[in-house]
N, C-alpha and C. Protein backbone atom coordinates (compact mmCIF):
# COMPACT_ATOMS: atom_id res chain seq x y z
N MET A 1 0.84 -1.13 0.02
CA MET A 1 -0.03 0.03 -0.01
C MET A 1 0.88 1.27 -0.03
N PRO A 2 0.69 2.16 -0.96
CA PRO A 2 1.56 3.37 -1.00
C PRO A 2 1.34 4.27 0.15
N THR A 3 2.33 4.87 0.63
CA THR A 3 2.19 5.78 1.78
C THR A 3 1.97 7.24 1.25
N GLU A 4 1.20 7.90 1.99
CA GLU A 4 0.97 9.33 1.62
C GLU A 4 2.18 10.20 1.97
N PRO A 5 2.55 11.11 1.10
CA PRO A 5 3.76 11.98 1.43
C PRO A 5 3.37 12.85 2.57
N SER A 6 4.34 13.02 3.50
CA SER A 6 4.06 13.85 4.66
C SER A 6 4.46 15.30 4.36
N THR A 7 3.83 16.19 5.04
CA THR A 7 4.06 17.64 4.85
C THR A 7 4.86 18.03 6.10
N VAL A 8 5.93 18.76 5.79
CA VAL A 8 6.70 19.25 6.92
C VAL A 8 6.37 20.76 7.05
N ARG A 9 6.07 21.14 8.25
CA ARG A 9 5.64 22.54 8.51
C ARG A 9 6.87 23.22 9.16
N VAL A 10 7.02 24.49 8.81
CA VAL A 10 8.10 25.30 9.43
C VAL A 10 7.50 26.45 10.14
N ASN A 11 7.84 26.59 11.37
CA ASN A 11 7.27 27.75 12.24
C ASN A 11 8.29 28.83 12.29
N PHE A 12 8.05 29.86 11.42
CA PHE A 12 9.01 30.96 11.42
C PHE A 12 8.88 31.96 12.57
N SER A 13 8.03 31.67 13.50
CA SER A 13 7.83 32.64 14.66
C SER A 13 8.82 32.19 15.81
N ARG A 14 9.58 31.16 15.66
CA ARG A 14 10.52 30.75 16.67
C ARG A 14 11.98 30.85 16.09
N PRO A 15 12.96 30.90 17.03
CA PRO A 15 14.37 30.91 16.57
C PRO A 15 14.74 29.53 16.04
N PHE A 16 15.73 29.56 15.08
CA PHE A 16 16.31 28.31 14.50
C PHE A 16 17.73 28.26 14.88
N ALA A 17 18.22 27.02 15.13
CA ALA A 17 19.62 26.78 15.32
C ALA A 17 20.29 26.97 13.98
N LEU A 18 21.43 27.64 13.95
CA LEU A 18 22.23 27.80 12.77
C LEU A 18 23.44 26.85 12.78
N PHE A 19 23.60 26.18 11.61
CA PHE A 19 24.76 25.29 11.47
C PHE A 19 25.54 25.71 10.25
N PRO A 20 26.50 26.60 10.50
CA PRO A 20 27.31 27.13 9.42
C PRO A 20 28.48 26.22 9.11
N LEU A 21 28.69 25.98 7.81
CA LEU A 21 29.81 25.20 7.32
C LEU A 21 30.37 25.92 6.13
N ASP A 22 31.61 25.60 5.83
CA ASP A 22 32.23 26.21 4.64
C ASP A 22 32.04 25.27 3.36
N GLY A 23 31.31 25.82 2.45
CA GLY A 23 31.16 25.07 1.20
C GLY A 23 30.25 23.92 1.19
N VAL A 24 29.49 23.74 2.26
CA VAL A 24 28.47 22.66 2.35
C VAL A 24 27.12 23.32 2.36
N VAL A 25 26.33 22.98 1.32
CA VAL A 25 24.97 23.55 1.23
C VAL A 25 23.98 22.40 1.09
N ILE A 26 22.80 22.72 1.41
CA ILE A 26 21.66 21.80 1.21
C ILE A 26 20.52 22.62 0.58
N LEU A 27 19.83 21.99 -0.37
CA LEU A 27 18.77 22.61 -1.02
C LEU A 27 17.44 21.89 -0.66
N PRO A 28 16.33 22.57 -0.86
CA PRO A 28 15.05 21.90 -0.60
C PRO A 28 14.94 20.52 -1.28
N HIS A 29 14.48 19.53 -0.53
CA HIS A 29 14.27 18.14 -1.05
C HIS A 29 15.57 17.33 -1.05
N ALA A 30 16.71 17.94 -0.99
CA ALA A 30 17.95 17.14 -1.05
C ALA A 30 18.23 16.55 0.33
N LEU A 31 19.03 15.49 0.33
CA LEU A 31 19.45 14.79 1.55
C LEU A 31 20.95 15.10 1.80
N LEU A 32 21.31 15.26 3.07
CA LEU A 32 22.72 15.53 3.39
C LEU A 32 23.05 14.68 4.61
N ARG A 33 24.04 13.90 4.50
CA ARG A 33 24.50 13.06 5.67
C ARG A 33 25.62 13.90 6.40
N LEU A 34 25.49 13.96 7.73
CA LEU A 34 26.41 14.75 8.49
C LEU A 34 26.90 13.90 9.74
N PHE A 35 28.14 14.06 10.05
CA PHE A 35 28.71 13.52 11.23
C PHE A 35 28.93 14.68 12.16
N ILE A 36 28.29 14.61 13.36
CA ILE A 36 28.29 15.70 14.34
C ILE A 36 29.14 15.34 15.46
N PHE A 37 30.25 16.06 15.69
CA PHE A 37 31.19 15.68 16.71
C PHE A 37 31.60 16.81 17.63
N GLU A 38 31.39 18.07 17.22
CA GLU A 38 31.72 19.17 18.07
C GLU A 38 30.70 19.28 19.24
N PRO A 39 31.10 19.60 20.43
CA PRO A 39 30.13 19.72 21.53
C PRO A 39 28.97 20.71 21.23
N ARG A 40 29.24 21.89 20.61
CA ARG A 40 28.21 22.77 20.43
C ARG A 40 27.13 22.23 19.37
N TYR A 41 27.61 21.47 18.42
CA TYR A 41 26.64 20.99 17.47
C TYR A 41 26.03 19.67 17.88
N ARG A 42 26.72 19.00 18.79
CA ARG A 42 25.99 17.78 19.46
C ARG A 42 24.85 18.33 20.33
N GLN A 43 25.10 19.44 20.99
CA GLN A 43 24.03 20.08 21.78
C GLN A 43 22.90 20.57 20.89
N MET A 44 23.24 21.18 19.72
CA MET A 44 22.31 21.66 18.74
C MET A 44 21.40 20.53 18.24
N VAL A 45 22.04 19.38 17.93
CA VAL A 45 21.25 18.25 17.36
C VAL A 45 20.30 17.73 18.50
N ALA A 46 20.82 17.60 19.68
CA ALA A 46 20.00 17.10 20.83
C ALA A 46 18.81 18.02 21.05
N ASP A 47 19.11 19.38 21.03
CA ASP A 47 18.01 20.36 21.24
C ASP A 47 16.95 20.29 20.06
N ALA A 48 17.47 20.09 18.83
CA ALA A 48 16.53 20.01 17.69
C ALA A 48 15.71 18.77 17.82
N LEU A 49 16.29 17.62 18.18
CA LEU A 49 15.56 16.43 18.31
C LEU A 49 14.54 16.50 19.46
N ASP A 50 14.77 17.34 20.46
CA ASP A 50 13.75 17.51 21.51
C ASP A 50 12.64 18.46 21.10
N SER A 51 12.72 19.11 20.00
CA SER A 51 11.68 19.98 19.48
C SER A 51 11.26 19.57 18.06
N SER A 52 11.35 20.43 17.10
CA SER A 52 10.82 20.18 15.73
C SER A 52 11.72 19.32 14.90
N GLY A 53 13.02 19.18 15.26
CA GLY A 53 13.95 18.36 14.47
C GLY A 53 14.49 19.18 13.29
N GLN A 54 14.37 20.56 13.43
CA GLN A 54 14.79 21.37 12.29
C GLN A 54 15.96 22.23 12.69
N ILE A 55 16.84 22.43 11.75
CA ILE A 55 18.00 23.35 11.86
C ILE A 55 18.14 24.12 10.60
N ALA A 56 18.85 25.19 10.58
CA ALA A 56 19.10 26.01 9.40
C ALA A 56 20.59 25.91 9.03
N MET A 57 20.80 25.32 7.83
CA MET A 57 22.18 25.19 7.29
C MET A 57 22.57 26.52 6.67
N ALA A 58 23.73 27.01 7.09
CA ALA A 58 24.27 28.32 6.64
C ALA A 58 25.64 28.08 6.04
N VAL A 59 26.18 29.07 5.32
CA VAL A 59 27.48 28.98 4.72
C VAL A 59 28.24 30.17 5.19
N PHE A 60 29.49 29.94 5.59
CA PHE A 60 30.40 31.00 6.04
C PHE A 60 30.61 32.02 4.94
N LYS A 61 30.68 33.26 5.22
CA LYS A 61 30.97 34.33 4.27
C LYS A 61 32.48 34.69 4.44
N GLY A 62 33.16 34.47 3.29
CA GLY A 62 34.61 34.87 3.29
C GLY A 62 35.43 33.84 4.00
N ASP A 63 36.68 34.23 4.40
CA ASP A 63 37.59 33.30 5.06
C ASP A 63 37.77 33.57 6.54
N ASP A 64 37.03 34.55 7.14
CA ASP A 64 37.19 34.85 8.49
C ASP A 64 36.93 33.63 9.42
N TRP A 65 36.12 32.73 8.96
CA TRP A 65 35.75 31.50 9.79
C TRP A 65 37.05 30.73 10.14
N LYS A 66 38.04 30.82 9.21
CA LYS A 66 39.24 30.05 9.54
C LYS A 66 39.98 30.50 10.75
N HIS A 67 39.80 31.84 11.11
CA HIS A 67 40.48 32.38 12.29
C HIS A 67 39.46 32.58 13.40
N GLU A 68 38.27 32.64 13.19
CA GLU A 68 37.18 32.89 14.15
C GLU A 68 36.21 31.72 14.27
N TYR A 69 36.64 30.60 13.94
CA TYR A 69 35.72 29.42 13.85
C TYR A 69 34.92 29.21 15.12
N HIS A 70 35.62 29.32 16.29
CA HIS A 70 34.91 29.07 17.54
C HIS A 70 34.21 30.35 18.05
N GLY A 71 34.33 31.40 17.29
CA GLY A 71 33.59 32.64 17.74
C GLY A 71 32.29 32.77 16.89
N ASN A 72 32.21 33.90 16.23
CA ASN A 72 30.94 34.24 15.54
C ASN A 72 31.26 34.74 14.12
N PRO A 73 31.89 33.99 13.28
CA PRO A 73 32.30 34.52 11.95
C PRO A 73 31.12 34.86 11.10
N PRO A 74 31.27 35.74 10.13
CA PRO A 74 30.09 36.06 9.32
C PRO A 74 29.62 34.93 8.46
N ILE A 75 28.31 34.95 8.25
CA ILE A 75 27.67 33.93 7.40
C ILE A 75 26.80 34.62 6.37
N HIS A 76 26.55 33.87 5.27
CA HIS A 76 25.59 34.47 4.26
C HIS A 76 24.16 34.46 4.83
N PRO A 77 23.37 35.43 4.43
CA PRO A 77 22.01 35.51 4.98
C PRO A 77 21.10 34.44 4.46
N ALA A 78 21.38 33.82 3.31
CA ALA A 78 20.51 32.81 2.78
C ALA A 78 20.80 31.44 3.45
N VAL A 79 19.80 30.74 3.95
CA VAL A 79 19.92 29.41 4.55
C VAL A 79 18.92 28.48 3.98
N CYS A 80 19.07 27.24 4.36
CA CYS A 80 18.05 26.24 4.03
C CYS A 80 17.66 25.55 5.30
N VAL A 81 16.39 25.59 5.62
CA VAL A 81 15.84 24.88 6.74
C VAL A 81 15.88 23.37 6.47
N GLY A 82 16.46 22.62 7.32
CA GLY A 82 16.51 21.15 7.15
C GLY A 82 15.85 20.36 8.27
N GLN A 83 15.26 19.29 7.92
CA GLN A 83 14.53 18.41 8.89
C GLN A 83 15.49 17.18 9.08
N ILE A 84 15.74 16.90 10.34
CA ILE A 84 16.47 15.68 10.65
C ILE A 84 15.54 14.47 10.46
N VAL A 85 15.78 13.72 9.43
CA VAL A 85 14.88 12.59 9.12
C VAL A 85 15.37 11.21 9.65
N HIS A 86 16.63 11.26 10.03
CA HIS A 86 17.22 10.03 10.68
C HIS A 86 18.41 10.46 11.51
N HIS A 87 18.57 9.79 12.65
CA HIS A 87 19.75 10.08 13.45
C HIS A 87 20.16 8.81 14.19
N ASP A 88 21.48 8.74 14.45
CA ASP A 88 22.02 7.74 15.34
C ASP A 88 22.88 8.38 16.32
N LYS A 89 22.64 8.24 17.56
CA LYS A 89 23.49 8.78 18.62
C LYS A 89 24.48 7.71 18.98
N LEU A 90 25.78 8.06 18.85
CA LEU A 90 26.77 7.09 19.01
C LEU A 90 27.22 7.03 20.52
N PRO A 91 27.81 5.96 21.00
CA PRO A 91 28.22 5.86 22.43
C PRO A 91 29.09 6.97 22.93
N ASP A 92 29.85 7.63 22.06
CA ASP A 92 30.72 8.71 22.49
C ASP A 92 29.95 10.00 22.48
N GLY A 93 28.73 10.06 22.22
CA GLY A 93 27.93 11.30 22.23
C GLY A 93 27.81 11.95 20.87
N ASN A 94 28.60 11.53 19.90
CA ASN A 94 28.51 12.06 18.53
C ASN A 94 27.24 11.55 17.90
N TYR A 95 26.89 12.19 16.76
CA TYR A 95 25.67 11.81 16.02
C TYR A 95 26.07 11.60 14.60
N ARG A 96 25.36 10.73 13.94
CA ARG A 96 25.23 10.64 12.50
C ARG A 96 23.80 10.98 12.18
N ILE A 97 23.62 12.07 11.38
CA ILE A 97 22.25 12.47 11.04
C ILE A 97 22.11 12.52 9.53
N MET A 98 20.88 12.39 9.13
CA MET A 98 20.43 12.60 7.72
C MET A 98 19.46 13.81 7.75
N LEU A 99 19.85 14.83 7.05
CA LEU A 99 19.13 16.08 7.03
C LEU A 99 18.47 16.22 5.63
N GLN A 100 17.19 16.49 5.58
CA GLN A 100 16.48 16.73 4.39
C GLN A 100 16.15 18.25 4.27
N GLY A 101 16.49 18.83 3.18
CA GLY A 101 16.16 20.22 2.95
C GLY A 101 14.66 20.41 2.87
N VAL A 102 14.19 21.39 3.49
CA VAL A 102 12.74 21.71 3.56
C VAL A 102 12.43 22.90 2.70
N CYS A 103 13.04 24.07 3.04
CA CYS A 103 12.76 25.28 2.31
C CYS A 103 13.90 26.27 2.47
N ARG A 104 13.97 27.17 1.54
CA ARG A 104 14.95 28.26 1.65
C ARG A 104 14.43 29.34 2.54
N ALA A 105 15.28 30.02 3.22
CA ALA A 105 14.89 31.13 4.12
C ALA A 105 16.04 32.16 4.15
N ARG A 106 15.78 33.20 4.86
CA ARG A 106 16.71 34.32 5.00
C ARG A 106 16.77 34.64 6.46
N ILE A 107 18.07 34.94 6.93
CA ILE A 107 18.24 35.37 8.29
C ILE A 107 17.71 36.76 8.48
N ARG A 108 16.70 36.89 9.34
CA ARG A 108 16.15 38.22 9.63
C ARG A 108 16.92 38.88 10.74
N GLU A 109 17.31 38.08 11.73
CA GLU A 109 18.05 38.59 12.90
C GLU A 109 18.76 37.48 13.56
N GLU A 110 20.04 37.61 13.71
CA GLU A 110 20.81 36.61 14.45
C GLU A 110 20.68 36.99 15.97
N LEU A 111 20.40 36.00 16.75
CA LEU A 111 20.21 36.30 18.18
C LEU A 111 21.49 36.19 18.95
N PRO A 112 21.64 36.88 20.06
CA PRO A 112 22.83 36.80 20.87
C PRO A 112 23.02 35.44 21.50
N PHE A 113 24.28 35.06 21.84
CA PHE A 113 24.48 33.86 22.52
C PHE A 113 23.91 33.96 23.92
N GLY A 114 23.70 32.88 24.50
CA GLY A 114 23.11 32.88 25.88
C GLY A 114 21.83 32.04 25.84
N GLY A 115 21.25 32.04 27.05
CA GLY A 115 20.08 31.15 27.13
C GLY A 115 20.42 29.74 27.53
N GLU A 116 19.48 28.94 27.69
CA GLU A 116 19.63 27.59 28.16
C GLU A 116 19.34 26.61 27.10
N SER A 117 20.09 25.52 26.98
CA SER A 117 19.85 24.46 26.14
C SER A 117 18.78 23.62 26.72
N PRO A 118 17.68 23.38 25.95
CA PRO A 118 16.57 22.55 26.52
C PRO A 118 17.01 21.14 26.80
N SER A 119 17.97 20.62 26.10
CA SER A 119 18.37 19.20 26.29
C SER A 119 19.23 18.95 27.48
N THR A 120 20.13 19.98 27.76
CA THR A 120 21.10 19.80 28.83
C THR A 120 20.86 20.75 30.03
N GLY A 121 20.16 21.83 29.83
CA GLY A 121 20.00 22.77 30.95
C GLY A 121 21.22 23.69 31.12
N GLU A 122 22.27 23.41 30.34
CA GLU A 122 23.50 24.26 30.37
C GLU A 122 23.31 25.44 29.39
N ASP A 123 24.39 26.29 29.38
CA ASP A 123 24.36 27.36 28.41
C ASP A 123 24.30 26.86 27.02
N ARG A 124 23.51 27.56 26.18
CA ARG A 124 23.47 27.15 24.79
C ARG A 124 24.76 27.57 24.08
N LEU A 125 25.35 26.60 23.35
CA LEU A 125 26.71 26.81 22.76
C LEU A 125 26.64 27.20 21.29
N TYR A 126 25.54 27.04 20.63
CA TYR A 126 25.41 27.29 19.20
C TYR A 126 24.62 28.51 18.86
N ARG A 127 24.76 28.99 17.60
CA ARG A 127 24.16 30.23 17.19
C ARG A 127 22.69 29.95 16.81
N THR A 128 21.83 30.97 16.94
CA THR A 128 20.46 30.90 16.57
C THR A 128 20.04 32.21 15.88
N ALA A 129 18.97 32.12 15.14
CA ALA A 129 18.46 33.25 14.42
C ALA A 129 16.99 33.18 14.18
N MET A 130 16.41 34.34 14.01
CA MET A 130 15.02 34.39 13.50
C MET A 130 15.14 34.41 11.96
N LEU A 131 14.32 33.56 11.33
CA LEU A 131 14.28 33.51 9.84
C LEU A 131 13.03 34.02 9.24
N GLU A 132 13.08 34.30 8.01
CA GLU A 132 11.86 34.54 7.22
C GLU A 132 11.94 33.75 6.00
N PRO A 133 10.80 33.28 5.50
CA PRO A 133 10.82 32.46 4.31
C PRO A 133 11.15 33.26 3.05
N ASN A 134 11.80 32.68 2.11
CA ASN A 134 12.04 33.32 0.80
C ASN A 134 10.71 33.38 0.08
N GLU A 135 10.61 34.17 -0.99
CA GLU A 135 9.39 34.27 -1.70
C GLU A 135 8.89 32.94 -2.19
N THR A 136 7.64 32.75 -2.15
CA THR A 136 7.03 31.55 -2.64
C THR A 136 6.02 31.95 -3.73
N GLY A 137 5.46 31.02 -4.35
CA GLY A 137 4.44 31.30 -5.34
C GLY A 137 4.91 30.94 -6.72
N ASP A 138 4.15 31.33 -7.69
CA ASP A 138 4.45 31.01 -9.11
C ASP A 138 5.67 31.82 -9.59
N PRO A 139 6.54 31.21 -10.32
CA PRO A 139 7.67 31.90 -10.84
C PRO A 139 7.24 32.82 -11.98
N ASP A 140 7.99 33.92 -12.18
CA ASP A 140 7.75 34.90 -13.22
C ASP A 140 8.25 34.28 -14.51
N GLU A 141 7.33 33.88 -15.41
CA GLU A 141 7.72 33.23 -16.63
C GLU A 141 8.61 34.03 -17.57
N ASP A 142 8.43 35.33 -17.59
CA ASP A 142 9.27 36.20 -18.35
C ASP A 142 10.75 36.13 -17.85
N ARG A 143 10.91 36.20 -16.58
CA ARG A 143 12.31 36.10 -15.95
C ARG A 143 12.90 34.75 -16.21
N LEU A 144 12.08 33.66 -16.15
CA LEU A 144 12.60 32.40 -16.35
C LEU A 144 13.03 32.24 -17.92
N ALA A 145 12.26 32.82 -18.78
CA ALA A 145 12.69 32.75 -20.25
C ALA A 145 13.98 33.46 -20.42
N LEU A 146 14.15 34.66 -19.85
CA LEU A 146 15.41 35.35 -19.90
C LEU A 146 16.57 34.55 -19.33
N ALA A 147 16.37 33.92 -18.21
CA ALA A 147 17.41 33.13 -17.57
C ALA A 147 17.77 31.95 -18.44
N ARG A 148 16.76 31.29 -19.03
CA ARG A 148 17.03 30.09 -19.91
C ARG A 148 17.85 30.59 -21.14
N GLN A 149 17.51 31.73 -21.71
CA GLN A 149 18.20 32.19 -22.92
C GLN A 149 19.67 32.55 -22.53
N SER A 150 19.79 33.17 -21.39
CA SER A 150 21.18 33.50 -20.93
C SER A 150 21.97 32.22 -20.75
N LEU A 151 21.41 31.25 -20.11
CA LEU A 151 22.18 29.99 -19.97
C LEU A 151 22.51 29.34 -21.25
N LEU A 152 21.57 29.32 -22.23
CA LEU A 152 21.85 28.71 -23.55
C LEU A 152 22.92 29.55 -24.27
N THR A 153 22.95 30.82 -24.12
CA THR A 153 24.01 31.61 -24.72
C THR A 153 25.37 31.29 -24.11
N MET A 154 25.42 31.16 -22.79
CA MET A 154 26.63 30.78 -22.15
C MET A 154 27.15 29.41 -22.54
N LEU A 155 26.25 28.49 -22.77
CA LEU A 155 26.60 27.12 -23.13
C LEU A 155 27.10 27.06 -24.62
N THR A 156 26.69 27.98 -25.44
CA THR A 156 27.13 27.92 -26.82
C THR A 156 28.39 28.71 -27.08
N ASP A 157 28.84 29.47 -26.05
CA ASP A 157 30.08 30.30 -26.14
C ASP A 157 31.26 29.45 -25.62
N ASP A 158 32.46 29.76 -26.07
CA ASP A 158 33.63 29.13 -25.49
C ASP A 158 33.90 29.60 -24.07
N PRO A 159 34.35 28.84 -23.15
CA PRO A 159 34.88 27.51 -23.33
C PRO A 159 33.82 26.43 -23.07
N LEU A 160 32.63 26.78 -22.62
CA LEU A 160 31.62 25.76 -22.32
C LEU A 160 31.07 25.08 -23.53
N ALA A 161 31.20 25.69 -24.68
CA ALA A 161 30.67 25.01 -25.91
C ALA A 161 31.43 23.74 -26.24
N ASP A 162 32.63 23.62 -25.74
CA ASP A 162 33.41 22.42 -26.01
C ASP A 162 33.01 21.22 -25.12
N LEU A 163 32.21 21.49 -24.13
CA LEU A 163 31.79 20.37 -23.28
C LEU A 163 30.61 19.55 -23.90
N ALA A 164 30.73 18.26 -23.82
CA ALA A 164 29.73 17.39 -24.40
C ALA A 164 28.38 17.63 -23.74
N ALA A 165 28.41 17.80 -22.46
CA ALA A 165 27.11 18.05 -21.68
C ALA A 165 26.51 19.35 -22.23
N ALA A 166 27.21 20.37 -22.53
CA ALA A 166 26.69 21.62 -23.00
C ALA A 166 26.04 21.42 -24.33
N ARG A 167 26.67 20.66 -25.19
CA ARG A 167 26.17 20.38 -26.54
C ARG A 167 24.83 19.64 -26.44
N SER A 168 24.67 18.70 -25.54
CA SER A 168 23.42 17.96 -25.37
C SER A 168 22.33 18.85 -24.87
N VAL A 169 22.64 19.78 -23.93
CA VAL A 169 21.62 20.69 -23.41
C VAL A 169 21.14 21.61 -24.52
N VAL A 170 22.07 22.12 -25.25
CA VAL A 170 21.65 23.03 -26.41
C VAL A 170 20.83 22.28 -27.41
N ARG A 171 21.27 21.04 -27.77
CA ARG A 171 20.49 20.20 -28.69
C ARG A 171 19.11 20.01 -28.23
N GLU A 172 18.97 19.58 -26.94
CA GLU A 172 17.71 19.23 -26.39
C GLU A 172 16.82 20.54 -26.31
N SER A 173 17.40 21.70 -25.95
CA SER A 173 16.62 22.92 -25.92
C SER A 173 16.05 23.29 -27.24
N LYS A 174 16.80 23.05 -28.33
CA LYS A 174 16.29 23.34 -29.63
C LYS A 174 15.16 22.37 -30.04
N GLU A 175 15.28 21.11 -29.62
CA GLU A 175 14.23 20.13 -29.91
C GLU A 175 12.93 20.43 -29.14
N HIS A 176 13.00 20.93 -27.95
CA HIS A 176 11.87 21.18 -27.10
C HIS A 176 11.52 22.63 -27.00
N GLU A 177 12.24 23.50 -27.70
CA GLU A 177 12.04 24.92 -27.63
C GLU A 177 11.86 25.43 -26.16
N ILE A 178 12.95 25.24 -25.46
CA ILE A 178 12.87 25.65 -23.95
C ILE A 178 12.94 27.21 -24.02
């Protein structure tokens, strides 16, 4: 018997845990496997599992994170809210989690450190922020047509025109009049 797809709801009226990484992104519907070993992120996962199971994946902005990693280095405002769909807590306290992207969002306000971790009762060690959803609704077809044409132009110009994948995309677009 087929199962009904479940709907994940996101409550933007509450703070989200931020999990910034360098060069690791997740998009809506994508799955990302993560090994969580730092104390602050182990606490973050435990807290998320005690509530909605959601965290916001962020990306560091610039290279400051290399020197300020344990501080508060800048991050890009665009994030993806992810739902922990599977987790294994290991005997050493680390986690293996599977995170599924739910929706894109934007950081409205990063909140100061402090407060209590719901799972441990100790000081919260990870960053949090209030988020707002990105625009939703029907895409602007005129903008999409311009973007498609721009991509096709880039694929037909050197050096991308030499790529076999580019040739097949251009050929298919002509066949289907994208």
